[in-house]
Amino acid sequence: MEKWLGLAIPGSVLLLMALRAFESRRRKRQNRVGTPVTTTYVNEFTAIFYGTKRRELDHRDSMSMMREEDAQGAPPNLGVDLDRGVVVLRPEGPRSSSRERPELSG
């Protein structure tokens, strides 16, 4: 019995590594998005022993549910003022000049 318990941890690690290699290969072929099963397993297993990992996972989950806002300090590429009925368009990229584009009324 002790022999099986002694081999359980190394065996599970080898099994996890083989599963990760299989998932990586499958992801490259099918261009899948999302969290692999092995990553979820390792995160949850780590969270059992480290409370800070549980906090990190909870924080990550809550941040994924929050709405993304425009970057602070950078001017938006599209400005819409519904009260005045005005739309301001600014081209993206380094080709744009530093002066503002004229406003389009609609």
PDB file of N, CA and C in Angstrom:
ATOM      1  N   MET A   1       0.818  -1.185   0.000  1.00  0.00           N
ATOM      2  CA  MET A   1       0.000   0.000   0.000  1.00  0.00           C
ATOM      3  C   MET A   1       0.867   1.256   0.000  1.00  0.00           C
ATOM      4  N   GLU A   2       1.958   1.230   0.779  1.00  0.00           N
ATOM      5  CA  GLU A   2       2.845   2.386   0.837  1.00  0.00           C
ATOM      6  C   GLU A   2       3.487   2.658  -0.521  1.00  0.00           C
ATOM      7  N   LYS A   3       3.770   1.575  -1.240  1.00  0.00           N
ATOM      8  CA  LYS A   3       4.389   1.732  -2.564  1.00  0.00           C
ATOM      9  C   LYS A   3       3.439   2.485  -3.501  1.00  0.00           C
ATOM     10  N   TRP A   4       2.139   2.163  -3.470  1.00  0.00           N
ATOM     11  CA  TRP A   4       1.171   2.823  -4.344  1.00  0.00           C
ATOM     12  C   TRP A   4       0.994   4.293  -3.962  1.00  0.00           C
ATOM     13  N   LEU A   5       0.987   4.567  -2.681  1.00  0.00           N
ATOM     14  CA  LEU A   5       0.879   5.960  -2.243  1.00  0.00           C
ATOM     15  C   LEU A   5       2.128   6.751  -2.622  1.00  0.00           C
ATOM     16  N   GLY A   6       3.267   6.085  -2.556  1.00  0.00           N
ATOM     17  CA  GLY A   6       4.509   6.752  -2.938  1.00  0.00           C
ATOM     18  C   GLY A   6       4.581   7.048  -4.424  1.00  0.00           C
ATOM     19  N   LEU A   7       3.936   6.223  -5.237  1.00  0.00           N
ATOM     20  CA  LEU A   7       3.941   6.437  -6.687  1.00  0.00           C
ATOM     21  C   LEU A   7       2.770   7.285  -7.179  1.00  0.00           C
ATOM     22  N   ALA A   8       1.823   7.581  -6.315  1.00  0.00           N
ATOM     23  CA  ALA A   8       0.622   8.311  -6.729  1.00  0.00           C
ATOM     24  C   ALA A   8       0.962   9.737  -7.182  1.00  0.00           C
ATOM     25  N   ILE A   9       1.782  10.437  -6.437  1.00  0.00           N
ATOM     26  CA  ILE A   9       2.105  11.829  -6.789  1.00  0.00           C
ATOM     27  C   ILE A   9       2.939  11.901  -8.068  1.00  0.00           C
ATOM     28  N   PRO A  10       4.053  11.143  -8.174  1.00  0.00           N
ATOM     29  CA  PRO A  10       4.794  11.204  -9.443  1.00  0.00           C
ATOM     30  C   PRO A  10       3.962  10.729 -10.631  1.00  0.00           C
ATOM     31  N   GLY A  11       3.125   9.717 -10.414  1.00  0.00           N
ATOM     32  CA  GLY A  11       2.273   9.217 -11.494  1.00  0.00           C
ATOM     33  C   GLY A  11       1.266  10.263 -11.947  1.00  0.00           C
ATOM     34  N   SER A  12       0.669  10.976 -10.999  1.00  0.00           N
ATOM     35  CA  SER A  12      -0.300  12.009 -11.368  1.00  0.00           C
ATOM     36  C   SER A  12       0.382  13.171 -12.075  1.00  0.00           C
ATOM     37  N   VAL A  13       1.601  13.487 -11.696  1.00  0.00           N
ATOM     38  CA  VAL A  13       2.345  14.553 -12.377  1.00  0.00           C
ATOM     39  C   VAL A  13       2.660  14.145 -13.818  1.00  0.00           C
ATOM     40  N   LEU A  14       3.102  12.912 -14.017  1.00  0.00           N
ATOM     41  CA  LEU A  14       3.378  12.433 -15.374  1.00  0.00           C
ATOM     42  C   LEU A  14       2.112  12.402 -16.223  1.00  0.00           C
ATOM     43  N   LEU A  15       1.004  11.973 -15.627  1.00  0.00           N
ATOM     44  CA  LEU A  15      -0.277  11.957 -16.329  1.00  0.00           C
ATOM     45  C   LEU A  15      -0.711  13.373 -16.701  1.00  0.00           C
ATOM     46  N   LEU A  16      -0.511  14.309 -15.792  1.00  0.00           N
ATOM     47  CA  LEU A  16      -0.849  15.706 -16.049  1.00  0.00           C
ATOM     48  C   LEU A  16       0.003  16.284 -17.176  1.00  0.00           C
ATOM     49  N   MET A  17       1.279  15.953 -17.202  1.00  0.00           N
ATOM     50  CA  MET A  17       2.164  16.433 -18.272  1.00  0.00           C
ATOM     51  C   MET A  17       1.769  15.844 -19.624  1.00  0.00           C
ATOM     52  N   ALA A  18       1.394  14.582 -19.643  1.00  0.00           N
ATOM     53  CA  ALA A  18       0.959  13.951 -20.889  1.00  0.00           C
ATOM     54  C   ALA A  18      -0.348  14.576 -21.386  1.00  0.00           C
ATOM     55  N   LEU A  19      -1.267  14.862 -20.474  1.00  0.00           N
ATOM     56  CA  LEU A  19      -2.527  15.508 -20.845  1.00  0.00           C
ATOM     57  C   LEU A  19      -2.283  16.913 -21.381  1.00  0.00           C
ATOM     58  N   ARG A  20      -1.358  17.631 -20.775  1.00  0.00           N
ATOM     59  CA  ARG A  20      -1.020  18.987 -21.234  1.00  0.00           C
ATOM     60  C   ARG A  20      -0.421  18.943 -22.644  1.00  0.00           C
ATOM     61  N   ALA A  21       0.440  17.995 -22.922  1.00  0.00           N
ATOM     62  CA  ALA A  21       1.020  17.868 -24.261  1.00  0.00           C
ATOM     63  C   ALA A  21      -0.073  17.560 -25.287  1.00  0.00           C
ATOM     64  N   PHE A  22      -1.003  16.689 -24.918  1.00  0.00           N
ATOM     65  CA  PHE A  22      -2.115  16.359 -25.812  1.00  0.00           C
ATOM     66  C   PHE A  22      -2.983  17.589 -26.081  1.00  0.00           C
ATOM     67  N   GLU A  23      -3.301  18.354 -25.024  1.00  0.00           N
ATOM     68  CA  GLU A  23      -4.116  19.558 -25.197  1.00  0.00           C
ATOM     69  C   GLU A  23      -3.409  20.603 -26.053  1.00  0.00           C
ATOM     70  N   SER A  24      -2.112  20.767 -25.843  1.00  0.00           N
ATOM     71  CA  SER A  24      -1.350  21.747 -26.633  1.00  0.00           C
ATOM     72  C   SER A  24      -1.368  21.387 -28.116  1.00  0.00           C
ATOM     73  N   ARG A  25      -1.167  20.133 -28.390  1.00  0.00           N
ATOM     74  CA  ARG A  25      -1.170  19.671 -29.778  1.00  0.00           C
ATOM     75  C   ARG A  25      -2.541  19.873 -30.430  1.00  0.00           C
ATOM     76  N   ARG A  26      -3.599  19.542 -29.689  1.00  0.00           N
ATOM     77  CA  ARG A  26      -4.955  19.697 -30.206  1.00  0.00           C
ATOM     78  C   ARG A  26      -5.319  21.163 -30.409  1.00  0.00           C
ATOM     79  N   ARG A  27      -4.871  22.025 -29.508  1.00  0.00           N
ATOM     80  CA  ARG A  27      -5.153  23.462 -29.630  1.00  0.00           C
ATOM     81  C   ARG A  27      -4.485  24.065 -30.864  1.00  0.00           C
ATOM     82  N   LYS A  28      -3.273  23.634 -31.153  1.00  0.00           N
ATOM     83  CA  LYS A  28      -2.564  24.176 -32.319  1.00  0.00           C
ATOM     84  C   LYS A  28      -3.267  23.798 -33.616  1.00  0.00           C
ATOM     85  N   ARG A  29      -3.797  22.619 -33.667  1.00  0.00           N
ATOM     86  CA  ARG A  29      -4.482  22.157 -34.885  1.00  0.00           C
ATOM     87  C   ARG A  29      -5.834  22.828 -35.069  1.00  0.00           C
ATOM     88  N   GLN A  30      -6.567  23.032 -33.988  1.00  0.00           N
ATOM     89  CA  GLN A  30      -7.942  23.499 -34.109  1.00  0.00           C
ATOM     90  C   GLN A  30      -8.123  24.973 -33.750  1.00  0.00           C
ATOM     91  N   ASN A  31      -7.059  25.669 -33.387  1.00  0.00           N
ATOM     92  CA  ASN A  31      -7.116  27.091 -33.019  1.00  0.00           C
ATOM     93  C   ASN A  31      -8.202  27.363 -31.978  1.00  0.00           C
ATOM     94  N   ARG A  32      -8.190  26.613 -30.902  1.00  0.00           N
ATOM     95  CA  ARG A  32      -9.179  26.780 -29.842  1.00  0.00           C
ATOM     96  C   ARG A  32      -8.759  27.871 -28.877  1.00  0.00           C
ATOM     97  N   VAL A  33      -9.769  28.473 -28.262  1.00  0.00           N
ATOM     98  CA  VAL A  33      -9.529  29.503 -27.260  1.00  0.00           C
ATOM     99  C   VAL A  33     -10.132  29.032 -25.940  1.00  0.00           C
ATOM    100  N   GLY A  34      -9.616  29.538 -24.835  1.00  0.00           N
ATOM    101  CA  GLY A  34     -10.148  29.168 -23.525  1.00  0.00           C
ATOM    102  C   GLY A  34      -9.056  28.583 -22.647  1.00  0.00           C
ATOM    103  N   THR A  35      -9.436  28.267 -21.438  1.00  0.00           N
ATOM    104  CA  THR A  35      -8.488  27.732 -20.468  1.00  0.00           C
ATOM    105  C   THR A  35      -8.403  26.217 -20.597  1.00  0.00           C
ATOM    106  N   PRO A  36      -7.193  25.677 -20.746  1.00  0.00           N
ATOM    107  CA  PRO A  36      -7.044  24.220 -20.817  1.00  0.00           C
ATOM    108  C   PRO A  36      -7.418  23.551 -19.498  1.00  0.00           C
ATOM    109  N   VAL A  37      -7.821  22.325 -19.572  1.00  0.00           N
ATOM    110  CA  VAL A  37      -8.219  21.561 -18.387  1.00  0.00           C
ATOM    111  C   VAL A  37      -7.057  21.424 -17.419  1.00  0.00           C
ATOM    112  N   THR A  38      -5.875  21.202 -17.932  1.00  0.00           N
ATOM    113  CA  THR A  38      -4.723  21.016 -17.051  1.00  0.00           C
ATOM    114  C   THR A  38      -4.405  22.283 -16.269  1.00  0.00           C
ATOM    115  N   THR A  39      -4.577  23.436 -16.873  1.00  0.00           N
ATOM    116  CA  THR A  39      -4.338  24.696 -16.162  1.00  0.00           C
ATOM    117  C   THR A  39      -5.339  24.856 -15.033  1.00  0.00           C
ATOM    118  N   THR A  40      -6.581  24.541 -15.300  1.00  0.00           N
ATOM    119  CA  THR A  40      -7.605  24.618 -14.267  1.00  0.00           C
ATOM    120  C   THR A  40      -7.296  23.648 -13.126  1.00  0.00           C
ATOM    121  N   TYR A  41      -6.866  22.444 -13.475  1.00  0.00           N
ATOM    122  CA  TYR A  41      -6.526  21.441 -12.454  1.00  0.00           C
ATOM    123  C   TYR A  41      -5.377  21.923 -11.572  1.00  0.00           C
ATOM    124  N   VAL A  42      -4.335  22.430 -12.174  1.00  0.00           N
ATOM    125  CA  VAL A  42      -3.176  22.895 -11.405  1.00  0.00           C
ATOM    126  C   VAL A  42      -3.557  24.078 -10.525  1.00  0.00           C
ATOM    127  N   ASN A  43      -4.351  25.019 -11.068  1.00  0.00           N
ATOM    128  CA  ASN A  43      -4.774  26.169 -10.266  1.00  0.00           C
ATOM    129  C   ASN A  43      -5.608  25.744  -9.060  1.00  0.00           C
ATOM    130  N   GLU A  44      -6.545  24.858  -9.256  1.00  0.00           N
ATOM    131  CA  GLU A  44      -7.392  24.411  -8.148  1.00  0.00           C
ATOM    132  C   GLU A  44      -6.607  23.587  -7.139  1.00  0.00           C
ATOM    133  N   PHE A  45      -5.687  22.764  -7.609  1.00  0.00           N
ATOM    134  CA  PHE A  45      -4.859  21.969  -6.704  1.00  0.00           C
ATOM    135  C   PHE A  45      -3.968  22.880  -5.859  1.00  0.00           C
ATOM    136  N   THR A  46      -3.410  23.914  -6.478  1.00  0.00           N
ATOM    137  CA  THR A  46      -2.578  24.876  -5.749  1.00  0.00           C
ATOM    138  C   THR A  46      -3.417  25.652  -4.748  1.00  0.00           C
ATOM    139  N   ALA A  47      -4.658  25.990  -5.122  1.00  0.00           N
ATOM    140  CA  ALA A  47      -5.530  26.764  -4.241  1.00  0.00           C
ATOM    141  C   ALA A  47      -5.900  25.995  -2.977  1.00  0.00           C
ATOM    142  N   ILE A  48      -5.826  24.663  -3.020  1.00  0.00           N
ATOM    143  CA  ILE A  48      -6.105  23.866  -1.824  1.00  0.00           C
ATOM    144  C   ILE A  48      -5.082  24.174  -0.737  1.00  0.00           C
ATOM    145  N   PHE A  49      -3.829  24.336  -1.113  1.00  0.00           N
ATOM    146  CA  PHE A  49      -2.753  24.512  -0.142  1.00  0.00           C
ATOM    147  C   PHE A  49      -2.385  25.967   0.127  1.00  0.00           C
ATOM    148  N   TYR A  50      -2.706  26.880  -0.800  1.00  0.00           N
ATOM    149  CA  TYR A  50      -2.338  28.286  -0.636  1.00  0.00           C
ATOM    150  C   TYR A  50      -3.586  29.156  -0.744  1.00  0.00           C
ATOM    151  N   GLY A  51      -3.938  29.814   0.354  1.00  0.00           N
ATOM    152  CA  GLY A  51      -5.109  30.678   0.367  1.00  0.00           C
ATOM    153  C   GLY A  51      -4.976  31.865  -0.563  1.00  0.00           C
ATOM    154  N   THR A  52      -3.741  32.334  -0.758  1.00  0.00           N
ATOM    155  CA  THR A  52      -3.545  33.479  -1.644  1.00  0.00           C
ATOM    156  C   THR A  52      -3.854  33.104  -3.092  1.00  0.00           C
ATOM    157  N   LYS A  53      -3.639  31.857  -3.460  1.00  0.00           N
ATOM    158  CA  LYS A  53      -3.979  31.409  -4.813  1.00  0.00           C
ATOM    159  C   LYS A  53      -5.487  31.435  -5.003  1.00  0.00           C
ATOM    160  N   ARG A  54      -6.240  31.055  -3.969  1.00  0.00           N
ATOM    161  CA  ARG A  54      -7.707  31.100  -4.040  1.00  0.00           C
ATOM    162  C   ARG A  54      -8.169  32.541  -4.238  1.00  0.00           C
ATOM    163  N   ARG A  55      -7.536  33.473  -3.497  1.00  0.00           N
ATOM    164  CA  ARG A  55      -7.880  34.892  -3.674  1.00  0.00           C
ATOM    165  C   ARG A  55      -7.560  35.366  -5.078  1.00  0.00           C
ATOM    166  N   GLU A  56      -6.419  34.943  -5.600  1.00  0.00           N
ATOM    167  CA  GLU A  56      -6.026  35.329  -6.958  1.00  0.00           C
ATOM    168  C   GLU A  56      -7.031  34.809  -7.992  1.00  0.00           C
ATOM    169  N   LEU A  57      -7.446  33.562  -7.848  1.00  0.00           N
ATOM    170  CA  LEU A  57      -8.409  32.982  -8.790  1.00  0.00           C
ATOM    171  C   LEU A  57      -9.760  33.687  -8.696  1.00  0.00           C
ATOM    172  N   ASP A  58     -10.197  34.010  -7.468  1.00  0.00           N
ATOM    173  CA  ASP A  58     -11.457  34.736  -7.301  1.00  0.00           C
ATOM    174  C   ASP A  58     -11.375  36.129  -7.899  1.00  0.00           C
ATOM    175  N   HIS A  59     -10.236  36.786  -7.687  1.00  0.00           N
ATOM    176  CA  HIS A  59     -10.039  38.122  -8.259  1.00  0.00           C
ATOM    177  C   HIS A  59     -10.029  38.059  -9.786  1.00  0.00           C
ATOM    178  N   ARG A  60      -9.377  37.071 -10.336  1.00  0.00           N
ATOM    179  CA  ARG A  60      -9.330  36.904 -11.792  1.00  0.00           C
ATOM    180  C   ARG A  60     -10.725  36.682 -12.365  1.00  0.00           C
ATOM    181  N   ASP A  61     -11.525  35.876 -11.664  1.00  0.00           N
ATOM    182  CA  ASP A  61     -12.900  35.640 -12.105  1.00  0.00           C
ATOM    183  C   ASP A  61     -13.731  36.910 -12.060  1.00  0.00           C
ATOM    184  N   SER A  62     -13.581  37.685 -10.982  1.00  0.00           N
ATOM    185  CA  SER A  62     -14.374  38.914 -10.872  1.00  0.00           C
ATOM    186  C   SER A  62     -13.929  39.956 -11.890  1.00  0.00           C
ATOM    187  N   MET A  63     -12.631  40.004 -12.206  1.00  0.00           N
ATOM    188  CA  MET A  63     -12.143  40.971 -13.198  1.00  0.00           C
ATOM    189  C   MET A  63     -12.605  40.595 -14.600  1.00  0.00           C
ATOM    190  N   SER A  64     -12.770  39.318 -14.863  1.00  0.00           N
ATOM    191  CA  SER A  64     -13.223  38.912 -16.194  1.00  0.00           C
ATOM    192  C   SER A  64     -14.678  39.292 -16.423  1.00  0.00           C
ATOM    193  N   MET A  65     -15.419  39.510 -15.344  1.00  0.00           N
ATOM    194  CA  MET A  65     -16.819  39.909 -15.463  1.00  0.00           C
ATOM    195  C   MET A  65     -16.996  41.419 -15.590  1.00  0.00           C
ATOM    196  N   MET A  66     -15.941  42.195 -15.328  1.00  0.00           N
ATOM    197  CA  MET A  66     -16.057  43.655 -15.376  1.00  0.00           C
ATOM    198  C   MET A  66     -15.922  44.170 -16.800  1.00  0.00           C
ATOM    199  N   ARG A  67     -16.555  45.286 -17.033  1.00  0.00           N
ATOM    200  CA  ARG A  67     -16.537  45.904 -18.346  1.00  0.00           C
ATOM    201  C   ARG A  67     -15.205  46.606 -18.557  1.00  0.00           C
ATOM    202  N   GLU A  68     -14.670  46.505 -19.763  1.00  0.00           N
ATOM    203  CA  GLU A  68     -13.425  47.184 -20.087  1.00  0.00           C
ATOM    204  C   GLU A  68     -13.725  48.593 -20.552  1.00  0.00           C
ATOM    205  N   GLU A  69     -13.021  49.552 -19.999  1.00  0.00           N
ATOM    206  CA  GLU A  69     -13.180  50.953 -20.361  1.00  0.00           C
ATOM    207  C   GLU A  69     -12.052  51.357 -21.302  1.00  0.00           C
ATOM    208  N   ASP A  70     -12.219  52.500 -21.964  1.00  0.00           N
ATOM    209  CA  ASP A  70     -11.146  53.020 -22.801  1.00  0.00           C
ATOM    210  C   ASP A  70      -9.927  53.295 -21.927  1.00  0.00           C
ATOM    211  N   ALA A  71      -8.769  53.202 -22.524  1.00  0.00           N
ATOM    212  CA  ALA A  71      -7.530  53.438 -21.777  1.00  0.00           C
ATOM    213  C   ALA A  71      -7.506  54.872 -21.258  1.00  0.00           C
ATOM    214  N   GLN A  72      -7.056  55.034 -20.017  1.00  0.00           N
ATOM    215  CA  GLN A  72      -7.004  56.369 -19.442  1.00  0.00           C
ATOM    216  C   GLN A  72      -5.852  57.147 -20.058  1.00  0.00           C
ATOM    217  N   GLY A  73      -6.106  58.405 -20.362  1.00  0.00           N
ATOM    218  CA  GLY A  73      -5.067  59.267 -20.896  1.00  0.00           C
ATOM    219  C   GLY A  73      -4.974  59.261 -22.406  1.00  0.00           C
ATOM    220  N   ALA A  74      -5.491  58.261 -23.048  1.00  0.00           N
ATOM    221  CA  ALA A  74      -5.444  58.197 -24.506  1.00  0.00           C
ATOM    222  C   ALA A  74      -6.766  58.714 -25.068  1.00  0.00           C
ATOM    223  N   PRO A  75      -6.699  59.549 -26.095  1.00  0.00           N
ATOM    224  CA  PRO A  75      -7.953  60.030 -26.670  1.00  0.00           C
ATOM    225  C   PRO A  75      -8.673  58.904 -27.401  1.00  0.00           C
ATOM    226  N   PRO A  76      -9.992  58.848 -27.308  1.00  0.00           N
ATOM    227  CA  PRO A  76     -10.723  57.787 -28.002  1.00  0.00           C
ATOM    228  C   PRO A  76     -10.700  58.016 -29.507  1.00  0.00           C
ATOM    229  N   ASN A  77     -10.775  56.929 -30.261  1.00  0.00           N
ATOM    230  CA  ASN A  77     -10.792  57.037 -31.715  1.00  0.00           C
ATOM    231  C   ASN A  77     -12.148  57.490 -32.235  1.00  0.00           C
ATOM    232  N   LEU A  78     -13.166  57.304 -31.446  1.00  0.00           N
ATOM    233  CA  LEU A  78     -14.511  57.676 -31.858  1.00  0.00           C
ATOM    234  C   LEU A  78     -15.173  58.405 -30.704  1.00  0.00           C
ATOM    235  N   GLY A  79     -15.561  59.658 -30.951  1.00  0.00           N
ATOM    236  CA  GLY A  79     -16.250  60.422 -29.923  1.00  0.00           C
ATOM    237  C   GLY A  79     -17.681  60.668 -30.360  1.00  0.00           C
ATOM    238  N   VAL A  80     -18.635  60.236 -29.557  1.00  0.00           N
ATOM    239  CA  VAL A  80     -20.043  60.416 -29.884  1.00  0.00           C
ATOM    240  C   VAL A  80     -20.679  61.252 -28.790  1.00  0.00           C
ATOM    241  N   ASP A  81     -21.245  62.387 -29.172  1.00  0.00           N
ATOM    242  CA  ASP A  81     -21.972  63.248 -28.247  1.00  0.00           C
ATOM    243  C   ASP A  81     -23.434  63.207 -28.661  1.00  0.00           C
ATOM    244  N   LEU A  82     -24.235  62.433 -27.939  1.00  0.00           N
ATOM    245  CA  LEU A  82     -25.634  62.255 -28.305  1.00  0.00           C
ATOM    246  C   LEU A  82     -26.459  63.507 -28.030  1.00  0.00           C
ATOM    247  N   ASP A  83     -26.064  64.292 -27.029  1.00  0.00           N
ATOM    248  CA  ASP A  83     -26.823  65.495 -26.706  1.00  0.00           C
ATOM    249  C   ASP A  83     -26.752  66.529 -27.828  1.00  0.00           C
ATOM    250  N   ARG A  84     -25.557  66.733 -28.383  1.00  0.00           N
ATOM    251  CA  ARG A  84     -25.385  67.719 -29.462  1.00  0.00           C
ATOM    252  C   ARG A  84     -25.611  67.105 -30.836  1.00  0.00           C
ATOM    253  N   GLY A  85     -25.619  65.781 -30.930  1.00  0.00           N
ATOM    254  CA  GLY A  85     -25.767  65.124 -32.230  1.00  0.00           C
ATOM    255  C   GLY A  85     -24.500  65.213 -33.063  1.00  0.00           C
ATOM    256  N   VAL A  86     -23.350  65.092 -32.411  1.00  0.00           N
ATOM    257  CA  VAL A  86     -22.058  65.257 -33.076  1.00  0.00           C
ATOM    258  C   VAL A  86     -21.236  63.984 -32.921  1.00  0.00           C
ATOM    259  N   VAL A  87     -20.560  63.590 -33.996  1.00  0.00           N
ATOM    260  CA  VAL A  87     -19.645  62.451 -33.982  1.00  0.00           C
ATOM    261  C   VAL A  87     -18.276  62.943 -34.423  1.00  0.00           C
ATOM    262  N   VAL A  88     -17.237  62.614 -33.656  1.00  0.00           N
ATOM    263  CA  VAL A  88     -15.868  62.990 -33.991  1.00  0.00           C
ATOM    264  C   VAL A  88     -15.112  61.721 -34.348  1.00  0.00           C
ATOM    265  N   LEU A  89     -14.545  61.674 -35.552  1.00  0.00           N
ATOM    266  CA  LEU A  89     -13.777  60.517 -36.013  1.00  0.00           C
ATOM    267  C   LEU A  89     -12.306  60.872 -36.052  1.00  0.00           C
ATOM    268  N   ARG A  90     -11.479  59.988 -35.490  1.00  0.00           N
ATOM    269  CA  ARG A  90     -10.025  60.166 -35.535  1.00  0.00           C
ATOM    270  C   ARG A  90      -9.422  58.893 -36.106  1.00  0.00           C
ATOM    271  N   PRO A  91      -8.561  58.997 -37.118  1.00  0.00           N
ATOM    272  CA  PRO A  91      -7.952  57.787 -37.678  1.00  0.00           C
ATOM    273  C   PRO A  91      -6.983  57.145 -36.694  1.00  0.00           C
ATOM    274  N   GLU A  92      -6.837  55.832 -36.794  1.00  0.00           N
ATOM    275  CA  GLU A  92      -5.918  55.098 -35.927  1.00  0.00           C
ATOM    276  C   GLU A  92      -4.532  55.040 -36.540  1.00  0.00           C
ATOM    277  N   GLY A  93      -3.556  54.733 -35.709  1.00  0.00           N
ATOM    278  CA  GLY A  93      -2.214  54.450 -36.195  1.00  0.00           C
ATOM    279  C   GLY A  93      -1.319  55.666 -36.257  1.00  0.00           C
ATOM    280  N   PRO A  94      -0.057  55.434 -36.633  1.00  0.00           N
ATOM    281  CA  PRO A  94       0.939  56.507 -36.650  1.00  0.00           C
ATOM    282  C   PRO A  94       0.741  57.475 -37.814  1.00  0.00           C
ATOM    283  N   ARG A  95      -0.096  57.146 -38.793  1.00  0.00           N
ATOM    284  CA  ARG A  95      -0.289  58.024 -39.943  1.00  0.00           C
ATOM    285  C   ARG A  95      -1.121  59.248 -39.612  1.00  0.00           C
ATOM    286  N   SER A  96      -1.840  59.229 -38.479  1.00  0.00           N
ATOM    287  CA  SER A  96      -2.719  60.348 -38.157  1.00  0.00           C
ATOM    288  C   SER A  96      -1.898  61.574 -37.772  1.00  0.00           C
ATOM    289  N   SER A  97      -2.399  62.731 -38.130  1.00  0.00           N
ATOM    290  CA  SER A  97      -1.704  63.974 -37.789  1.00  0.00           C
ATOM    291  C   SER A  97      -2.110  64.396 -36.391  1.00  0.00           C
ATOM    292  N   SER A  98      -1.403  65.341 -35.832  1.00  0.00           N
ATOM    293  CA  SER A  98      -1.667  65.738 -34.456  1.00  0.00           C
ATOM    294  C   SER A  98      -2.855  66.689 -34.350  1.00  0.00           C
ATOM    295  N   ARG A  99      -3.293  67.296 -35.455  1.00  0.00           N
ATOM    296  CA  ARG A  99      -4.428  68.203 -35.369  1.00  0.00           C
ATOM    297  C   ARG A  99      -5.728  67.405 -35.391  1.00  0.00           C
ATOM    298  N   GLU A 100      -6.752  68.010 -34.809  1.00  0.00           N
ATOM    299  CA  GLU A 100      -8.044  67.334 -34.715  1.00  0.00           C
ATOM    300  C   GLU A 100      -8.768  67.394 -36.041  1.00  0.00           C
ATOM    301  N   ARG A 101      -9.548  66.394 -36.282  1.00  0.00           N
ATOM    302  CA  ARG A 101     -10.371  66.334 -37.483  1.00  0.00           C
ATOM    303  C   ARG A 101     -11.615  67.195 -37.266  1.00  0.00           C
ATOM    304  N   PRO A 102     -12.196  67.749 -38.327  1.00  0.00           N
ATOM    305  CA  PRO A 102     -13.427  68.518 -38.149  1.00  0.00           C
ATOM    306  C   PRO A 102     -14.563  67.611 -37.715  1.00  0.00           C
ATOM    307  N   GLU A 103     -15.480  68.193 -36.937  1.00  0.00           N
ATOM    308  CA  GLU A 103     -16.622  67.444 -36.432  1.00  0.00           C
ATOM    309  C   GLU A 103     -17.662  67.293 -37.527  1.00  0.00           C
ATOM    310  N   LEU A 104     -18.308  66.148 -37.534  1.00  0.00           N
ATOM    311  CA  LEU A 104     -19.362  65.878 -38.486  1.00  0.00           C
ATOM    312  C   LEU A 104     -20.702  66.007 -37.782  1.00  0.00           C
ATOM    313  N   SER A 105     -21.566  66.812 -38.279  1.00  0.00           N
ATOM    314  CA  SER A 105     -22.906  66.968 -37.682  1.00  0.00           C
ATOM    315  C   SER A 105     -23.871  66.096 -38.424  1.00  0.00           C
ATOM    316  N   GLY A 106     -24.828  65.572 -37.710  1.00  0.00           N
ATOM    317  CA  GLY A 106     -25.739  64.673 -38.395  1.00  0.00           C
ATOM    318  C   GLY A 106     -27.066  64.848 -37.896  1.00  0.00           C
TER     319      GLY A 106
END
